[in-house]
Amino acid sequence: MKLFERLGVAALHSLDPERAHDLSILALERGLVPLTGAPFTSPHLRTRIAGLDLPNPVGLAAGYDKNARAVSALMRAGFGFIEVGAATPRPQSGNPKPRLFRLSEDRAIINRFGFNNQGAEAIAARLARRSPTYPQAIPVGLNIGANKDSQDKSADFATVVRMAGDSADFLTVNVSSPNTEKLRDLQGPEALAALLDGVIAARDALTRRPPVFVKIAPDLSDADLADIASVVTAGRIDGVIATNTTLSRDGISSVHATQTGGLSGTPLMKRSTHVLARLSQLTQGKMPIIGVGGIGSVEDAWQKIRAGASAIQLYSALIYQGFSLADEIARGLDDRLRRENITPAELTGSGRQDWL
């Protein structure tokens, strides 16, 4: 990090975590954050996944810009693609505060936000206003979820697609957040297949018909993963995002370890990468997978790709290392691909067995 970025991160860490998060979004909206500009790209880094052309394979995970307030700024932060949300059909305030905790000694965070957002209509309007060309047209996806008090959570996903799908370049079905009661129950094979049928039908009625991904939890057994693999390969799903946050607290030393919610950051790297590798194996490397969970360095990103990822996403590490991390990882991947004389396609899945 540059000096200004280090000072900014330190200042934000002096504040309550959720207050710091909100201020960082406000600073981006007002153009107060120095950004790298157009994403770094090269022939080695250009990636095509599910019909999406990425200048580099380093993305921003959902959960940071929940309401698509800072999309224009984030398009200048070095990412090859970004994902906003999660959006629900109706606005909701989420779970009671405090609901975000820094575990600095573990380079991790715990959150139990509970899909706090301004609703699909407001988010779709902001996505529709984003610049399509400056500094470079990068894909912007929408993470979709269900309202906490919904009587039919499965139907909520199709509702969001109908409300906001035409404003997004891809859609992510989020059945893996641990912070909405009974949401993870939708990862079961029958429930997931029915939910996805509804989402695909709603997507096919749109003008743009964006690709659809499914985001899964890291706390699944091998049997659970086999069921999910059978569902996604049998349907018309375009890819999987592996993984969301974990309920596990293995190896955590922070005083906040007992807080409920999903854990993300460095401690998630090993488990999430195992799940990614297993899913890659079960789908025989034919299903595009975006790897997320615990990435904080070029080496972490490299290992995710070796395990089977076609692209990766960051979030928690940005809290500790700043937005320049995206550009740093993109340039580091390009340098290593050149030095090792290997293409991204050749690297993807080449070390899968190491993570099983």
Protein backbone atom coordinates (compact mmCIF):
# COMPACT_ATOMS: atom_id res chain seq x y z
CA MET A 1 0.00 0.00 0.00
CA LYS A 2 1.03 3.56 -0.63
CA LEU A 3 1.33 5.93 2.33
CA PHE A 4 -2.03 7.61 1.69
CA GLU A 5 -3.75 4.24 1.52
CA ARG A 6 -2.07 3.02 4.71
CA LEU A 7 -3.20 6.14 6.52
CA GLY A 8 -6.74 5.74 5.20
CA VAL A 9 -6.95 2.11 6.30
CA ALA A 10 -5.58 3.02 9.75
CA ALA A 11 -8.12 5.83 10.11
CA LEU A 12 -11.01 3.56 9.18
CA HIS A 13 -9.80 0.92 11.65
CA SER A 14 -10.10 3.47 14.43
CA LEU A 15 -13.86 3.55 13.85
CA ASP A 16 -16.68 1.10 14.46
CA PRO A 17 -16.45 -1.46 11.61
CA GLU A 18 -19.87 -0.79 10.09
CA ARG A 19 -19.37 2.97 10.35
CA ALA A 20 -16.02 2.57 8.60
CA HIS A 21 -17.66 0.48 5.87
CA ASP A 22 -20.33 3.12 5.26
CA LEU A 23 -17.75 5.93 5.19
CA SER A 24 -15.65 4.07 2.64
CA ILE A 25 -18.67 3.79 0.32
CA LEU A 26 -19.40 7.50 0.80
CA ALA A 27 -15.77 8.39 0.05
CA LEU A 28 -15.91 6.37 -3.17
CA GLU A 29 -19.17 8.07 -4.19
CA ARG A 30 -17.60 11.50 -3.69
CA GLY A 31 -14.36 10.71 -5.51
CA LEU A 32 -12.17 10.96 -2.40
CA VAL A 33 -10.40 7.62 -2.83
CA PRO A 34 -7.31 7.47 -5.10
CA LEU A 35 -7.87 4.61 -7.55
CA THR A 36 -5.72 2.89 -10.15
CA GLY A 37 -7.96 3.71 -13.11
CA ALA A 38 -8.61 1.21 -15.89
CA PRO A 39 -7.97 -2.40 -14.87
CA PHE A 40 -4.55 -3.80 -15.71
CA THR A 41 -4.81 -6.27 -18.57
CA SER A 42 -2.68 -8.31 -20.93
CA PRO A 43 -3.09 -11.24 -23.31
CA HIS A 44 -2.23 -13.53 -20.38
CA LEU A 45 -4.90 -12.04 -18.13
CA ARG A 46 -7.86 -11.62 -20.45
CA THR A 47 -10.45 -14.14 -19.39
CA ARG A 48 -13.74 -15.28 -20.84
CA ILE A 49 -16.12 -16.93 -18.40
CA ALA A 50 -19.76 -17.80 -19.09
CA GLY A 51 -19.76 -15.40 -22.05
CA LEU A 52 -18.32 -12.53 -20.01
CA ASP A 53 -15.11 -10.87 -21.21
CA LEU A 54 -12.89 -9.86 -18.28
CA PRO A 55 -9.78 -7.68 -18.72
CA ASN A 56 -8.32 -9.60 -15.79
CA PRO A 57 -9.70 -12.40 -13.57
CA VAL A 58 -9.62 -10.43 -10.27
CA GLY A 59 -13.11 -9.44 -9.14
CA LEU A 60 -14.82 -7.73 -6.23
CA ALA A 61 -17.12 -10.04 -4.27
CA ALA A 62 -20.67 -9.16 -3.32
CA GLY A 63 -21.37 -7.70 0.10
CA TYR A 64 -19.20 -4.61 -0.09
CA ASP A 65 -21.34 -2.32 -2.25
CA LYS A 66 -24.70 -3.71 -1.22
CA ASN A 67 -26.78 -0.97 -2.86
CA ALA A 68 -24.71 -0.28 -5.99
CA ARG A 69 -23.87 3.21 -4.75
CA ALA A 70 -20.20 3.22 -5.76
CA VAL A 71 -20.22 1.21 -9.01
CA SER A 72 -18.69 3.95 -11.17
CA ALA A 73 -15.79 4.38 -8.74
CA LEU A 74 -15.27 0.64 -8.30
CA MET A 75 -14.98 0.27 -12.06
CA ARG A 76 -11.80 2.36 -11.69
CA ALA A 77 -10.33 0.32 -8.81
CA GLY A 78 -8.43 -2.24 -10.87
CA PHE A 79 -10.97 -5.07 -10.78
CA GLY A 80 -11.72 -7.10 -13.88
CA PHE A 81 -15.35 -7.44 -12.78
CA ILE A 82 -17.45 -6.50 -9.77
CA GLU A 83 -20.50 -7.86 -8.01
CA VAL A 84 -22.96 -5.81 -5.95
CA GLY A 85 -25.79 -6.75 -3.59
CA ALA A 86 -27.31 -8.88 -2.29
CA ALA A 87 -30.63 -7.46 -3.46
CA THR A 88 -33.98 -8.64 -2.13
CA PRO A 89 -37.42 -7.88 -3.60
CA ARG A 90 -38.31 -5.46 -0.81
CA PRO A 91 -35.98 -3.15 1.14
CA GLN A 92 -34.98 -4.47 4.54
CA SER A 93 -32.84 -3.19 7.40
CA GLY A 94 -31.13 -6.47 8.20
CA ASN A 95 -30.18 -7.79 11.60
CA PRO A 96 -29.71 -5.64 14.73
CA LYS A 97 -26.39 -3.86 15.29
CA PRO A 98 -23.58 -4.50 16.06
CA ARG A 99 -23.30 -6.98 13.19
CA LEU A 100 -19.79 -6.51 11.79
CA PHE A 101 -16.59 -7.40 13.67
CA ARG A 102 -12.92 -7.10 12.75
CA LEU A 103 -10.67 -9.97 13.81
CA SER A 104 -7.43 -8.14 13.06
CA GLU A 105 -5.07 -10.74 14.52
CA ASP A 106 -6.70 -13.35 12.28
CA ARG A 107 -6.97 -11.08 9.21
CA ALA A 108 -10.66 -11.90 9.18
CA ILE A 109 -14.12 -10.44 9.74
CA ILE A 110 -17.41 -11.79 11.04
CA ASN A 111 -20.67 -10.35 9.75
CA ARG A 112 -24.32 -11.03 10.40
CA PHE A 113 -25.78 -8.25 8.28
CA GLY A 114 -28.78 -10.26 7.11
CA PHE A 115 -29.17 -8.91 3.54
CA ASN A 116 -29.61 -5.26 4.56
CA ASN A 117 -30.35 -3.42 1.32
CA GLN A 118 -32.59 -0.80 -0.29
CA GLY A 119 -34.43 -3.31 -2.45
CA ALA A 120 -34.13 -4.56 -6.02
CA GLU A 121 -35.89 -1.59 -7.61
CA ALA A 122 -33.49 1.01 -6.20
CA ILE A 123 -30.43 -1.12 -6.94
CA ALA A 124 -31.55 -1.79 -10.52
CA ALA A 125 -31.98 1.94 -11.12
CA ARG A 126 -28.42 2.64 -10.00
CA LEU A 127 -27.01 -0.19 -12.10
CA ALA A 128 -28.83 1.15 -15.15
CA ARG A 129 -27.13 4.55 -14.70
CA ARG A 130 -23.57 3.21 -14.66
CA SER A 131 -21.23 4.26 -17.43
CA PRO A 132 -20.90 1.51 -20.05
CA THR A 133 -17.51 2.62 -21.32
CA TYR A 134 -15.39 4.49 -18.73
CA PRO A 135 -12.70 3.67 -17.91
CA GLN A 136 -13.35 0.30 -19.48
CA ALA A 137 -16.55 -1.66 -19.70
CA ILE A 138 -16.14 -4.38 -17.07
CA PRO A 139 -18.94 -6.79 -16.14
CA VAL A 140 -21.06 -5.76 -13.15
CA GLY A 141 -23.07 -8.56 -11.56
CA LEU A 142 -25.92 -8.61 -9.07
CA ASN A 143 -26.08 -10.96 -6.10
CA ILE A 144 -29.71 -11.87 -5.38
CA GLY A 145 -31.33 -13.04 -2.17
CA ALA A 146 -34.61 -13.45 -0.30
CA ASN A 147 -36.40 -11.25 2.21
CA LYS A 148 -36.08 -12.42 5.79
CA ASP A 149 -39.85 -12.42 6.37
CA SER A 150 -40.77 -13.94 3.02
CA GLN A 151 -43.22 -16.83 3.08
CA ASP A 152 -41.67 -18.23 -0.10
CA LYS A 153 -37.95 -17.51 -0.13
CA SER A 154 -37.44 -19.57 -3.28
CA ALA A 155 -39.85 -17.38 -5.24
CA ASP A 156 -38.05 -14.21 -4.09
CA PHE A 157 -35.04 -15.04 -6.27
CA ALA A 158 -37.09 -15.09 -9.47
CA THR A 159 -38.80 -11.88 -8.36
CA VAL A 160 -35.44 -10.07 -8.09
CA VAL A 161 -34.46 -11.38 -11.53
CA ARG A 162 -37.62 -9.92 -13.03
CA MET A 163 -37.11 -6.61 -11.22
CA ALA A 164 -33.38 -6.08 -11.76
CA GLY A 165 -31.98 -8.70 -14.11
CA ASP A 166 -31.86 -6.51 -17.20
CA SER A 167 -29.59 -4.05 -15.35
CA ALA A 168 -26.88 -6.64 -14.55
CA ASP A 169 -24.22 -8.37 -16.63
CA PHE A 170 -24.54 -11.54 -14.54
CA LEU A 171 -26.69 -12.79 -11.68
CA THR A 172 -25.60 -14.74 -8.61
CA VAL A 173 -28.13 -16.86 -6.73
CA ASN A 174 -27.08 -16.55 -3.09
CA VAL A 175 -28.41 -19.58 -1.19
CA SER A 176 -25.38 -19.71 1.08
CA SER A 177 -25.50 -16.71 3.41
CA PRO A 178 -25.67 -17.96 7.01
CA ASN A 179 -27.44 -14.81 8.19
CA THR A 180 -30.96 -15.37 6.84
CA GLU A 181 -32.86 -18.13 8.61
CA LYS A 182 -33.45 -21.29 6.54
CA LEU A 183 -31.72 -19.80 3.47
CA ARG A 184 -29.03 -22.50 3.39
CA ASP A 185 -31.79 -25.14 3.36
CA LEU A 186 -32.26 -24.13 -0.28
CA GLN A 187 -28.92 -25.77 -1.14
CA GLY A 188 -30.58 -29.21 -0.91
CA PRO A 189 -30.84 -30.84 -4.36
CA GLU A 190 -34.63 -30.78 -4.79
CA ALA A 191 -35.08 -27.28 -3.36
CA LEU A 192 -32.13 -25.92 -5.34
CA ALA A 193 -33.31 -27.44 -8.61
CA ALA A 194 -36.78 -25.96 -8.19
CA LEU A 195 -35.38 -22.54 -7.22
CA LEU A 196 -33.03 -22.49 -10.20
CA ASP A 197 -35.78 -23.51 -12.59
CA GLY A 198 -37.70 -20.41 -11.47
CA VAL A 199 -34.65 -18.16 -11.80
CA ILE A 200 -33.80 -19.45 -15.28
CA ALA A 201 -37.39 -19.01 -16.45
CA ALA A 202 -37.35 -15.41 -15.18
CA ARG A 203 -33.93 -14.81 -16.75
CA ASP A 204 -35.09 -16.18 -20.13
CA ALA A 205 -37.90 -13.63 -20.18
CA LEU A 206 -35.44 -10.74 -19.91
CA THR A 207 -34.11 -8.71 -22.81
CA ARG A 208 -30.43 -9.28 -21.95
CA ARG A 209 -30.54 -12.84 -20.53
CA PRO A 210 -27.41 -12.51 -18.32
CA PRO A 211 -25.54 -15.64 -17.20
CA VAL A 212 -26.54 -17.13 -13.85
CA PHE A 213 -24.14 -18.32 -11.13
CA VAL A 214 -24.87 -20.10 -7.85
CA LYS A 215 -22.94 -19.13 -4.70
CA ILE A 216 -22.39 -22.02 -2.30
CA ALA A 217 -21.29 -22.36 1.32
CA PRO A 218 -17.91 -23.72 2.47
CA ASP A 219 -19.57 -25.81 5.19
CA LEU A 220 -20.91 -28.47 2.82
CA SER A 221 -20.00 -32.15 3.05
CA ASP A 222 -18.68 -34.08 0.06
CA ALA A 223 -22.14 -35.64 -0.30
CA ASP A 224 -23.72 -32.17 -0.33
CA LEU A 225 -21.25 -31.04 -2.98
CA ALA A 226 -22.03 -34.08 -5.11
CA ASP A 227 -25.73 -33.19 -4.95
CA ILE A 228 -25.03 -29.58 -5.94
CA ALA A 229 -22.77 -30.69 -8.79
CA SER A 230 -25.54 -32.92 -10.15
CA VAL A 231 -28.04 -30.05 -10.03
CA VAL A 232 -25.85 -27.41 -11.67
CA THR A 233 -24.60 -29.72 -14.42
CA ALA A 234 -28.08 -30.99 -15.21
CA GLY A 235 -29.60 -27.52 -15.46
CA ARG A 236 -28.79 -24.38 -17.42
CA ILE A 237 -26.59 -22.75 -14.83
CA ASP A 238 -23.54 -20.92 -16.20
CA GLY A 239 -21.17 -21.28 -13.23
CA VAL A 240 -20.61 -21.52 -9.49
CA ILE A 241 -19.07 -19.11 -6.98
CA ALA A 242 -17.21 -21.00 -4.25
CA THR A 243 -17.53 -19.97 -1.48
CA ASN A 244 -19.51 -17.75 0.88
CA THR A 245 -18.60 -17.22 4.55
CA THR A 246 -18.24 -20.04 7.07
CA LEU A 247 -19.83 -20.84 10.42
CA SER A 248 -16.63 -22.57 11.53
CA ARG A 249 -14.30 -20.90 14.02
CA ASP A 250 -11.37 -23.32 13.70
CA GLY A 251 -8.05 -21.68 14.54
CA ILE A 252 -9.54 -18.28 15.44
CA SER A 253 -7.81 -16.43 18.30
CA SER A 254 -9.74 -13.12 18.37
CA VAL A 255 -11.97 -12.15 21.26
CA HIS A 256 -14.74 -11.84 18.66
CA ALA A 257 -14.56 -15.55 17.79
CA THR A 258 -17.78 -16.24 19.70
CA GLN A 259 -19.83 -13.75 17.68
CA THR A 260 -22.49 -15.33 15.51
CA GLY A 261 -22.41 -14.80 11.76
CA GLY A 262 -20.30 -15.70 8.79
CA LEU A 263 -16.51 -15.69 9.04
CA SER A 264 -14.45 -14.53 6.06
CA GLY A 265 -10.82 -13.68 5.45
CA THR A 266 -7.55 -15.57 5.78
CA PRO A 267 -8.87 -18.46 7.93
CA LEU A 268 -11.32 -19.39 5.16
CA MET A 269 -8.66 -19.98 2.49
CA LYS A 270 -7.97 -23.66 3.13
CA ARG A 271 -11.56 -24.85 3.49
CA SER A 272 -12.99 -22.77 0.66
CA THR A 273 -10.24 -23.89 -1.71
CA HIS A 274 -10.87 -27.54 -0.84
CA VAL A 275 -14.56 -27.07 -1.66
CA LEU A 276 -13.63 -25.36 -4.93
CA ALA A 277 -11.29 -28.21 -5.90
CA ARG A 278 -13.85 -30.86 -5.01
CA LEU A 279 -16.55 -29.12 -7.05
CA SER A 280 -14.14 -28.79 -9.96
CA GLN A 281 -13.46 -32.51 -9.74
CA LEU A 282 -17.16 -33.40 -9.53
CA THR A 283 -17.97 -31.28 -12.59
CA GLN A 284 -14.89 -32.61 -14.43
CA GLY A 285 -13.58 -29.10 -14.87
CA LYS A 286 -16.40 -28.27 -17.28
CA MET A 287 -18.31 -25.86 -15.02
CA PRO A 288 -16.79 -22.36 -14.69
CA ILE A 289 -16.02 -21.64 -11.04
CA ILE A 290 -15.18 -18.29 -9.44
CA GLY A 291 -12.99 -18.81 -6.37
CA VAL A 292 -13.51 -16.58 -3.33
CA GLY A 293 -12.56 -16.93 0.32
CA GLY A 294 -9.33 -15.98 2.05
CA ILE A 295 -7.48 -14.45 -0.90
CA GLY A 296 -5.00 -11.81 0.21
CA SER A 297 -2.00 -12.26 -2.10
CA VAL A 298 -0.86 -13.27 -5.56
CA GLU A 299 -0.01 -16.72 -4.17
CA ASP A 300 -3.51 -17.16 -2.77
CA ALA A 301 -5.04 -16.23 -6.12
CA TRP A 302 -2.63 -18.57 -7.92
CA GLN A 303 -3.68 -21.46 -5.67
CA LYS A 304 -7.38 -20.80 -6.23
CA ILE A 305 -6.82 -21.00 -9.98
CA ARG A 306 -4.71 -24.16 -9.61
CA ALA A 307 -7.58 -25.66 -7.60
CA GLY A 308 -10.01 -25.07 -10.47
CA ALA A 309 -11.08 -21.42 -10.53
CA SER A 310 -11.39 -19.55 -13.81
CA ALA A 311 -11.54 -16.22 -11.94
CA ILE A 312 -11.35 -15.04 -8.33
CA GLN A 313 -12.98 -12.46 -6.06
CA LEU A 314 -11.74 -10.37 -3.12
CA TYR A 315 -13.44 -8.64 -0.23
CA SER A 316 -12.20 -9.15 3.34
CA ALA A 317 -8.52 -8.63 2.46
CA LEU A 318 -9.38 -5.17 1.11
CA ILE A 319 -10.30 -4.13 4.65
CA TYR A 320 -6.71 -4.74 5.72
CA GLN A 321 -4.78 -4.00 2.51
CA GLY A 322 -6.83 -1.43 0.59
CA PHE A 323 -8.14 -1.33 -2.96
CA SER A 324 -4.66 -1.39 -4.51
CA LEU A 325 -4.62 -5.11 -3.72
CA ALA A 326 -6.73 -5.84 -6.81
CA ASP A 327 -4.19 -4.23 -9.16
CA GLU A 328 -1.31 -5.82 -7.25
CA ILE A 329 -2.77 -9.31 -7.67
CA ALA A 330 -3.61 -8.78 -11.35
CA ARG A 331 -0.07 -7.62 -12.13
CA GLY A 332 1.44 -10.37 -10.01
CA LEU A 333 -0.56 -13.05 -11.81
CA ASP A 334 0.49 -11.65 -15.17
CA ASP A 335 4.16 -11.67 -14.16
CA ARG A 336 4.01 -15.22 -12.85
CA LEU A 337 2.13 -16.56 -15.86
CA ARG A 338 4.81 -15.06 -18.11
CA ARG A 339 7.68 -16.42 -16.01
CA GLU A 340 6.22 -19.90 -15.87
CA ASN A 341 5.18 -19.78 -19.53
CA ILE A 342 1.65 -20.99 -18.85
CA THR A 343 -1.76 -19.74 -19.92
CA PRO A 344 -4.60 -19.17 -17.45
CA ALA A 345 -6.56 -22.00 -19.07
CA GLU A 346 -3.60 -24.37 -18.55
CA LEU A 347 -3.24 -23.26 -14.93
CA THR A 348 -6.93 -23.72 -14.08
CA GLY A 349 -7.33 -27.03 -12.27
CA SER A 350 -3.70 -28.05 -12.73
CA GLY A 351 -3.21 -28.36 -8.95
CA ARG A 352 -6.67 -29.60 -8.07
CA GLN A 353 -5.37 -32.78 -6.48
CA ASP A 354 -3.22 -30.81 -4.03
CA TRP A 355 -6.37 -29.35 -2.49
CA LEU A 356 -8.50 -32.47 -2.27
